[in-house]
Amino acid sequence: MPQWWDAVNGEEQGRIKDLWLTGRITSGGIAELLAKAKIQVTSNAIHKSFQQRGWRWGSIPSDQAQVFPEQEPDPIIIAPGIHKYRAPRSKQADAETQVVLLSDGHAGKITPTFDPDVYKQRMEGAFQHMMAITTLHRNMYPINELVIMILGDNSQGENPYQGSRVESIAMGARNQVKQLAVPAHVSFVMSARENFEIVRVHGVPGNHGRVELLAPETSNWDLMLYDSIKNIVGHYDGIEIETSEDWYQIVEVQGYRFFLWHGDKVRCQQGVPLMALAKRTDAYFIQYGGFHYAVNGHWHKRAYDEAKAAYDVFMCGSLVSDDSWALGKGISSSPSQWTFGITQHNPEKNGLSWMYPLWVD
């Protein structure tokens, strides 16, 4: 039976059915009775529903009617606590900005469940799942701008002291960037531009991008990736690319400040050093003039923390599964990223409107 019928008390269902079958009430009369109990349904809908169940009006003689105990008027009972949802009105002034965090793709790395083909699939999966969330929220308000924050370690590199030995990488660092990371990120940005009016790209370097410990800070494969993205798609209308050659970057979204860094400035022996990270982030908050959000990767662990009343922390996961480095540190390595919405109309939560883990499989 339809939903309106389920809202009627079970005993009253029997009474209404008996009145109908014995011809003592019409569908219009039932509609009026239900309206008093704030159940809105048309007489035609009632007639059609009863016909579908084989309840013919007047098919039982009235002298065979069932006897029901007398009750007070309006006996129909509705379950308490049911409230009608009022969807917010969609206005251009209420448009939100969507943010997606991409980190620790480690293109070229090989594990029992990760290789270049899986890397490509997961980059595509991140985009598809992001757009599913975008489509869901566009039913409530416009989302015209996407901010992509890339947090480093986009390729595995070839430093043997970072686990990049011969059997653990599919190719050298140059081809990791040229054949894997660049095509995947360019596709992500261009596909996003097809679905958003404005796409902003920001990026910071990671430790796996470093060519060598004694090399200049700018000798970093992550920076080469960002330069390539900018050279290929940076001239298109609606695409803005601003990356940092320093280890951090401060970005504004809807007036809220985001502190981007990779996260490798803090060392650890086991697990994620949450206390050390909090202490270091507090220092950055003072040193760099405050911010509303600190975002980092590096630890292959997706997490969110309301670290202080002044700012929150997003820690982005990795695309890699069965990663020996993360597992050796006791870190659960599940492939995922982050996406969330920022609005000007939620200042008590620093503009945060919603957030989702971005599963990539």
Protein backbone atom coordinates (compact mmCIF):
# COMPACT_ATOMS: atom_id res chain seq x y z
CA MET A 1 0.00 0.00 0.00
CA PRO A 2 1.10 3.59 -0.49
CA GLN A 3 2.76 5.72 2.17
CA TRP A 4 -0.41 7.58 3.16
CA TRP A 5 -2.07 4.30 4.13
CA ASP A 6 0.90 3.30 6.32
CA ALA A 7 0.40 6.53 8.33
CA VAL A 8 -3.06 5.34 9.46
CA ASN A 9 -3.39 3.48 12.77
CA GLY A 10 -3.82 -0.28 12.24
CA GLU A 11 -7.26 -0.50 13.87
CA GLU A 12 -8.49 2.49 11.87
CA GLN A 13 -7.32 0.78 8.70
CA GLY A 14 -9.73 -2.04 9.51
CA ARG A 15 -12.57 0.40 10.21
CA ILE A 16 -12.04 2.32 6.94
CA LYS A 17 -11.78 -0.91 4.96
CA ASP A 18 -15.06 -2.19 6.44
CA LEU A 19 -16.88 1.10 5.75
CA TRP A 20 -15.67 0.99 2.15
CA LEU A 21 -16.52 -2.65 1.46
CA THR A 22 -19.99 -2.26 2.92
CA GLY A 23 -20.63 0.89 0.89
CA ARG A 24 -21.08 3.13 3.92
CA ILE A 25 -18.36 5.64 2.93
CA THR A 26 -17.06 6.91 -0.39
CA SER A 27 -13.47 7.66 -1.37
CA GLY A 28 -14.26 11.37 -0.98
CA GLY A 29 -15.48 10.73 2.56
CA ILE A 30 -12.28 8.83 3.37
CA ALA A 31 -10.20 11.73 1.98
CA GLU A 32 -12.05 14.16 4.26
CA LEU A 33 -11.57 11.86 7.25
CA LEU A 34 -7.85 11.56 6.58
CA ALA A 35 -7.51 15.32 6.05
CA LYS A 36 -8.66 15.89 9.63
CA ALA A 37 -5.68 13.79 10.71
CA LYS A 38 -3.43 15.88 8.40
CA ILE A 39 -2.96 13.07 5.88
CA GLN A 40 -3.32 14.59 2.43
CA VAL A 41 -4.53 12.24 -0.31
CA THR A 42 -7.01 12.59 -3.16
CA SER A 43 -10.19 10.56 -3.51
CA ASN A 44 -8.98 9.25 -6.88
CA ALA A 45 -5.77 7.96 -5.28
CA ILE A 46 -7.79 6.22 -2.57
CA HIS A 47 -10.15 4.63 -5.10
CA LYS A 48 -7.25 3.42 -7.27
CA SER A 49 -5.33 1.97 -4.30
CA PHE A 50 -8.36 0.06 -3.04
CA GLN A 51 -9.13 -1.27 -6.51
CA GLN A 52 -5.58 -2.55 -6.85
CA ARG A 53 -6.05 -4.54 -3.66
CA GLY A 54 -9.36 -5.96 -4.91
CA TRP A 55 -11.49 -4.01 -2.43
CA ARG A 56 -14.68 -3.33 -4.40
CA TRP A 57 -16.90 -0.62 -2.96
CA GLY A 58 -20.18 -2.05 -1.57
CA SER A 59 -19.20 -5.66 -2.27
CA ILE A 60 -20.25 -6.78 1.25
CA PRO A 61 -23.87 -6.38 2.51
CA SER A 62 -24.14 -3.78 5.23
CA ASP A 63 -25.64 -6.31 7.64
CA GLN A 64 -22.32 -8.16 7.56
CA ALA A 65 -20.36 -5.13 8.69
CA GLN A 66 -17.85 -5.64 11.46
CA VAL A 67 -18.48 -4.10 14.87
CA PHE A 68 -15.81 -1.75 16.15
CA PRO A 69 -15.71 -0.21 19.64
CA GLU A 70 -16.84 3.38 19.90
CA GLN A 71 -14.05 5.94 19.87
CA GLU A 72 -13.76 9.65 20.18
CA PRO A 73 -13.77 11.71 16.95
CA ASP A 74 -10.68 11.82 14.75
CA PRO A 75 -9.27 8.52 15.97
CA ILE A 76 -6.62 8.25 13.24
CA ILE A 77 -3.15 8.26 14.76
CA ILE A 78 -0.01 9.59 13.13
CA ALA A 79 3.46 8.63 14.35
CA PRO A 80 4.87 11.54 16.41
CA GLY A 81 7.99 13.50 15.57
CA ILE A 82 7.57 13.62 11.78
CA HIS A 83 8.66 16.97 10.36
CA LYS A 84 8.53 18.21 6.81
CA TYR A 85 11.95 19.04 5.37
CA ARG A 86 12.16 22.52 3.90
CA ALA A 87 14.88 22.57 1.25
CA PRO A 88 16.93 25.79 1.19
CA ARG A 89 16.23 28.13 -1.66
CA SER A 90 18.92 28.10 -4.33
CA LYS A 91 20.30 31.57 -4.99
CA GLN A 92 23.43 32.62 -6.82
CA ALA A 93 24.51 34.56 -3.72
CA ASP A 94 24.52 31.28 -1.77
CA ALA A 95 26.91 29.52 -4.14
CA GLU A 96 29.47 27.30 -2.41
CA THR A 97 33.03 26.41 -3.35
CA GLN A 98 34.05 22.78 -3.48
CA VAL A 99 37.55 21.82 -2.36
CA VAL A 100 39.28 18.56 -3.22
CA LEU A 101 42.54 17.41 -1.63
CA LEU A 102 44.88 15.23 -3.70
CA SER A 103 47.97 13.82 -2.03
CA ASP A 104 50.49 11.02 -2.06
CA GLY A 105 49.62 9.47 -5.40
CA HIS A 106 53.11 7.91 -5.61
CA ALA A 107 52.85 7.30 -9.34
CA GLY A 108 55.21 4.52 -10.39
CA LYS A 109 55.25 2.74 -7.03
CA ILE A 110 54.62 -1.03 -6.93
CA THR A 111 53.00 -2.94 -4.05
CA PRO A 112 51.01 -6.20 -4.08
CA THR A 113 47.83 -4.16 -4.81
CA PHE A 114 49.19 -1.01 -6.47
CA ASP A 115 50.91 -0.37 -9.79
CA PRO A 116 50.68 2.19 -12.64
CA ASP A 117 47.37 0.81 -13.90
CA VAL A 118 45.81 0.97 -10.43
CA TYR A 119 47.17 4.51 -10.05
CA LYS A 120 45.33 5.59 -13.22
CA GLN A 121 42.12 3.87 -12.10
CA ARG A 122 42.22 5.54 -8.69
CA MET A 123 42.86 9.00 -10.09
CA GLU A 124 39.82 8.47 -12.33
CA GLY A 125 37.88 7.06 -9.38
CA ALA A 126 38.67 10.16 -7.31
CA PHE A 127 37.25 12.37 -10.06
CA GLN A 128 34.11 10.29 -10.59
CA HIS A 129 33.30 10.08 -6.88
CA MET A 130 33.98 13.80 -6.45
CA MET A 131 31.50 14.62 -9.23
CA ALA A 132 28.88 12.32 -7.69
CA ILE A 133 29.09 14.40 -4.50
CA THR A 134 29.03 17.64 -6.53
CA THR A 135 25.87 16.53 -8.34
CA LEU A 136 24.21 15.63 -5.05
CA HIS A 137 24.85 19.06 -3.52
CA ARG A 138 23.92 21.00 -6.64
CA ASN A 139 20.35 19.93 -5.98
CA MET A 140 20.44 22.39 -3.05
CA TYR A 141 22.66 25.29 -4.20
CA PRO A 142 25.07 26.27 -6.99
CA ILE A 143 28.66 25.02 -6.89
CA ASN A 144 30.52 26.89 -9.62
CA GLU A 145 34.09 26.88 -8.30
CA LEU A 146 36.43 23.97 -7.57
CA VAL A 147 39.69 24.41 -5.67
CA ILE A 148 42.18 21.57 -6.14
CA MET A 149 44.84 21.42 -3.43
CA ILE A 150 47.71 19.07 -4.35
CA LEU A 151 49.80 18.24 -1.31
CA GLY A 152 52.88 16.53 -2.73
CA ASP A 153 54.42 13.08 -3.25
CA ASN A 154 52.60 12.81 -6.55
CA SER A 155 55.27 10.44 -7.86
CA GLN A 156 57.35 7.86 -6.02
CA GLY A 157 60.74 9.19 -7.10
CA GLU A 158 63.86 7.06 -7.28
CA ASN A 159 65.64 7.69 -3.99
CA PRO A 160 66.57 4.27 -2.56
CA TYR A 161 66.55 5.72 0.96
CA GLN A 162 62.83 6.47 0.51
CA GLY A 163 61.97 2.92 -0.51
CA SER A 164 62.42 3.46 -4.26
CA ARG A 165 64.51 0.39 -5.01
CA VAL A 166 64.56 -1.39 -8.35
CA GLU A 167 61.86 -3.95 -7.53
CA SER A 168 59.53 -1.36 -5.96
CA ILE A 169 59.14 1.09 -8.86
CA ALA A 170 57.83 0.55 -12.37
CA MET A 171 59.99 3.24 -14.01
CA GLY A 172 62.38 6.09 -13.31
CA ALA A 173 61.29 9.40 -11.80
CA ARG A 174 61.17 11.30 -15.12
CA ASN A 175 58.77 8.78 -16.64
CA GLN A 176 56.74 8.61 -13.42
CA VAL A 177 55.98 12.28 -13.95
CA LYS A 178 55.81 12.34 -17.76
CA GLN A 179 53.87 9.13 -18.40
CA LEU A 180 51.71 8.86 -15.28
CA ALA A 181 51.32 11.93 -13.05
CA VAL A 182 51.10 14.61 -15.75
CA PRO A 183 48.41 12.89 -17.89
CA ALA A 184 46.37 11.94 -14.81
CA HIS A 185 46.40 15.43 -13.29
CA VAL A 186 45.85 17.24 -16.60
CA SER A 187 42.84 14.98 -17.22
CA PHE A 188 41.53 15.70 -13.72
CA VAL A 189 41.84 19.48 -14.18
CA MET A 190 40.38 19.58 -17.71
CA SER A 191 37.52 17.27 -16.78
CA ALA A 192 36.81 19.49 -13.78
CA ARG A 193 36.75 22.57 -16.01
CA GLU A 194 34.05 20.90 -18.10
CA ASN A 195 31.89 20.79 -14.96
CA PHE A 196 32.85 24.00 -13.10
CA GLU A 197 33.02 27.62 -14.21
CA ILE A 198 36.28 28.18 -12.33
CA VAL A 199 38.97 25.65 -11.42
CA ARG A 200 41.81 26.80 -9.16
CA VAL A 201 44.86 24.60 -8.69
CA HIS A 202 47.31 25.01 -5.79
CA GLY A 203 50.22 22.75 -4.94
CA VAL A 204 53.11 22.24 -2.55
CA PRO A 205 56.09 19.86 -2.92
CA GLY A 206 56.55 16.63 -0.98
CA ASN A 207 59.62 14.79 0.20
CA HIS A 208 59.46 12.04 -2.45
CA GLY A 209 59.83 14.68 -5.13
CA ARG A 210 63.27 15.71 -3.85
CA VAL A 211 65.91 14.66 -6.35
CA GLU A 212 68.59 14.36 -3.66
CA LEU A 213 69.02 15.54 -0.09
CA LEU A 214 71.77 18.02 -0.99
CA ALA A 215 70.04 19.28 -4.14
CA PRO A 216 68.30 22.68 -4.21
CA GLU A 217 64.77 22.74 -2.79
CA THR A 218 63.42 23.51 -6.26
CA SER A 219 64.93 20.30 -7.67
CA ASN A 220 61.70 18.50 -6.97
CA TRP A 221 59.61 16.27 -9.24
CA ASP A 222 56.39 17.63 -7.71
CA LEU A 223 57.34 21.13 -8.89
CA MET A 224 58.08 19.71 -12.35
CA LEU A 225 54.57 18.21 -12.35
CA TYR A 226 52.99 21.56 -11.40
CA ASP A 227 55.01 23.39 -14.08
CA SER A 228 53.84 20.85 -16.66
CA ILE A 229 50.17 21.20 -15.64
CA LYS A 230 50.45 24.98 -15.91
CA ASN A 231 52.18 24.83 -19.31
CA ILE A 232 49.56 22.46 -20.73
CA VAL A 233 46.27 23.86 -19.37
CA GLY A 234 47.11 27.09 -17.54
CA HIS A 235 46.21 29.27 -20.53
CA TYR A 236 42.61 28.02 -20.74
CA ASP A 237 39.85 30.37 -19.62
CA GLY A 238 38.51 29.50 -16.18
CA ILE A 239 41.64 27.65 -15.03
CA GLU A 240 43.93 29.32 -12.49
CA ILE A 241 47.14 27.61 -11.37
CA GLU A 242 49.18 28.96 -8.48
CA THR A 243 51.74 26.66 -6.87
CA SER A 244 54.54 27.29 -4.40
CA GLU A 245 58.26 26.73 -4.74
CA ASP A 246 58.46 26.96 -0.97
CA TRP A 247 57.44 24.07 1.32
CA TYR A 248 54.10 25.69 2.18
CA GLN A 249 51.39 27.84 0.60
CA ILE A 250 48.56 29.95 2.03
CA VAL A 251 45.36 29.95 -0.03
CA GLU A 252 42.07 31.79 0.50
CA VAL A 253 38.71 30.14 -0.23
CA GLN A 254 35.55 32.20 0.33
CA GLY A 255 37.60 34.46 2.62
CA TYR A 256 38.96 31.59 4.78
CA ARG A 257 42.71 30.93 4.97
CA PHE A 258 44.14 27.48 4.25
CA PHE A 259 47.69 26.54 5.22
CA LEU A 260 48.98 23.91 2.75
CA TRP A 261 52.06 21.80 3.50
CA HIS A 262 53.11 18.24 2.86
CA GLY A 263 53.57 17.23 6.49
CA ASP A 264 57.08 15.76 6.37
CA LYS A 265 58.63 18.37 8.68
CA VAL A 266 57.67 16.15 11.64
CA ARG A 267 59.42 12.83 12.22
CA CYS A 268 57.99 9.66 13.72
CA GLN A 269 58.92 6.14 14.73
CA GLN A 270 55.47 4.59 15.11
CA GLY A 271 52.06 5.72 13.92
CA VAL A 272 51.02 9.29 13.13
CA PRO A 273 52.71 11.72 15.57
CA LEU A 274 49.52 13.62 16.33
CA MET A 275 50.86 15.55 19.32
CA ALA A 276 54.02 16.61 17.47
CA LEU A 277 51.94 17.64 14.45
CA ALA A 278 49.61 19.68 16.64
CA LYS A 279 52.52 21.44 18.32
CA ARG A 280 54.17 22.20 14.98
CA THR A 281 50.93 23.44 13.43
CA ASP A 282 50.36 25.73 16.41
CA ALA A 283 53.78 27.24 15.75
CA TYR A 284 52.92 27.75 12.06
CA PHE A 285 49.64 29.38 13.08
CA ILE A 286 51.53 32.03 15.03
CA GLN A 287 54.41 32.35 12.58
CA TYR A 288 52.30 32.81 9.45
CA GLY A 289 49.59 35.11 10.76
CA GLY A 290 46.85 32.60 11.51
CA PHE A 291 44.63 30.44 9.32
CA HIS A 292 41.31 28.64 9.50
CA TYR A 293 42.50 25.28 8.14
CA ALA A 294 45.78 23.39 7.98
CA VAL A 295 45.88 20.68 5.30
CA ASN A 296 48.62 18.12 4.78
CA GLY A 297 49.33 14.67 3.43
CA HIS A 298 52.49 12.54 3.89
CA TRP A 299 51.16 10.13 6.53
CA HIS A 300 48.98 8.04 4.20
CA LYS A 301 46.20 8.50 6.73
CA ARG A 302 42.91 10.31 6.14
CA ALA A 303 41.88 12.26 9.23
CA TYR A 304 40.04 15.38 10.37
CA ASP A 305 40.63 17.11 13.67
CA GLU A 306 39.13 20.16 15.33
CA ALA A 307 42.59 20.92 16.61
CA LYS A 308 41.90 24.31 18.14
CA ALA A 309 39.00 26.71 18.38
CA ALA A 310 40.82 28.86 15.82
CA TYR A 311 41.52 26.23 13.14
CA ASP A 312 40.80 22.68 11.97
CA VAL A 313 43.11 20.13 10.37
CA PHE A 314 42.54 17.98 7.29
CA MET A 315 45.03 15.14 6.81
CA CYS A 316 44.77 13.61 3.35
CA GLY A 317 45.25 9.92 2.60
CA SER A 318 47.11 8.22 -0.23
CA LEU A 319 46.24 6.38 -3.43
CA VAL A 320 48.55 3.53 -2.41
CA SER A 321 47.34 0.34 -0.77
CA ASP A 322 49.52 -2.24 1.00
CA ASP A 323 52.20 0.40 1.41
CA SER A 324 55.15 -1.07 3.31
CA TRP A 325 56.20 2.32 4.73
CA ALA A 326 52.75 3.06 6.23
CA LEU A 327 52.23 -0.50 7.46
CA GLY A 328 55.70 -0.53 8.99
CA LYS A 329 54.80 2.59 10.97
CA GLY A 330 51.59 0.95 12.16
CA ILE A 331 49.43 3.22 9.98
CA SER A 332 46.31 1.83 8.35
CA SER A 333 46.76 2.60 4.67
CA SER A 334 43.37 2.78 2.93
CA PRO A 335 43.32 4.58 -0.45
CA SER A 336 41.24 7.74 -0.09
CA GLN A 337 41.34 11.54 -0.40
CA TRP A 338 39.08 14.39 0.84
CA THR A 339 36.44 16.70 -0.61
CA PHE A 340 34.40 19.34 1.22
CA GLY A 341 32.36 22.51 0.74
CA ILE A 342 33.13 26.05 1.90
CA THR A 343 30.48 28.76 2.19
CA GLN A 344 30.37 32.32 3.48
CA HIS A 345 27.16 31.54 5.36
CA ASN A 346 28.60 29.30 8.08
CA PRO A 347 31.10 31.49 9.97
CA GLU A 348 30.69 29.64 13.27
CA LYS A 349 32.25 26.59 11.58
CA ASN A 350 34.88 28.53 9.59
CA GLY A 351 32.76 28.20 6.47
CA LEU A 352 32.75 24.39 6.43
CA SER A 353 29.42 23.23 5.01
CA TRP A 354 29.99 19.51 4.42
CA MET A 355 32.83 17.01 4.02
CA TYR A 356 33.21 13.52 2.57
CA PRO A 357 35.96 10.94 2.45
CA LEU A 358 36.74 10.55 -1.22
CA TRP A 359 37.01 6.83 -1.85
CA VAL A 360 39.02 6.09 -4.98
CA ASP A 361 38.14 2.44 -5.70
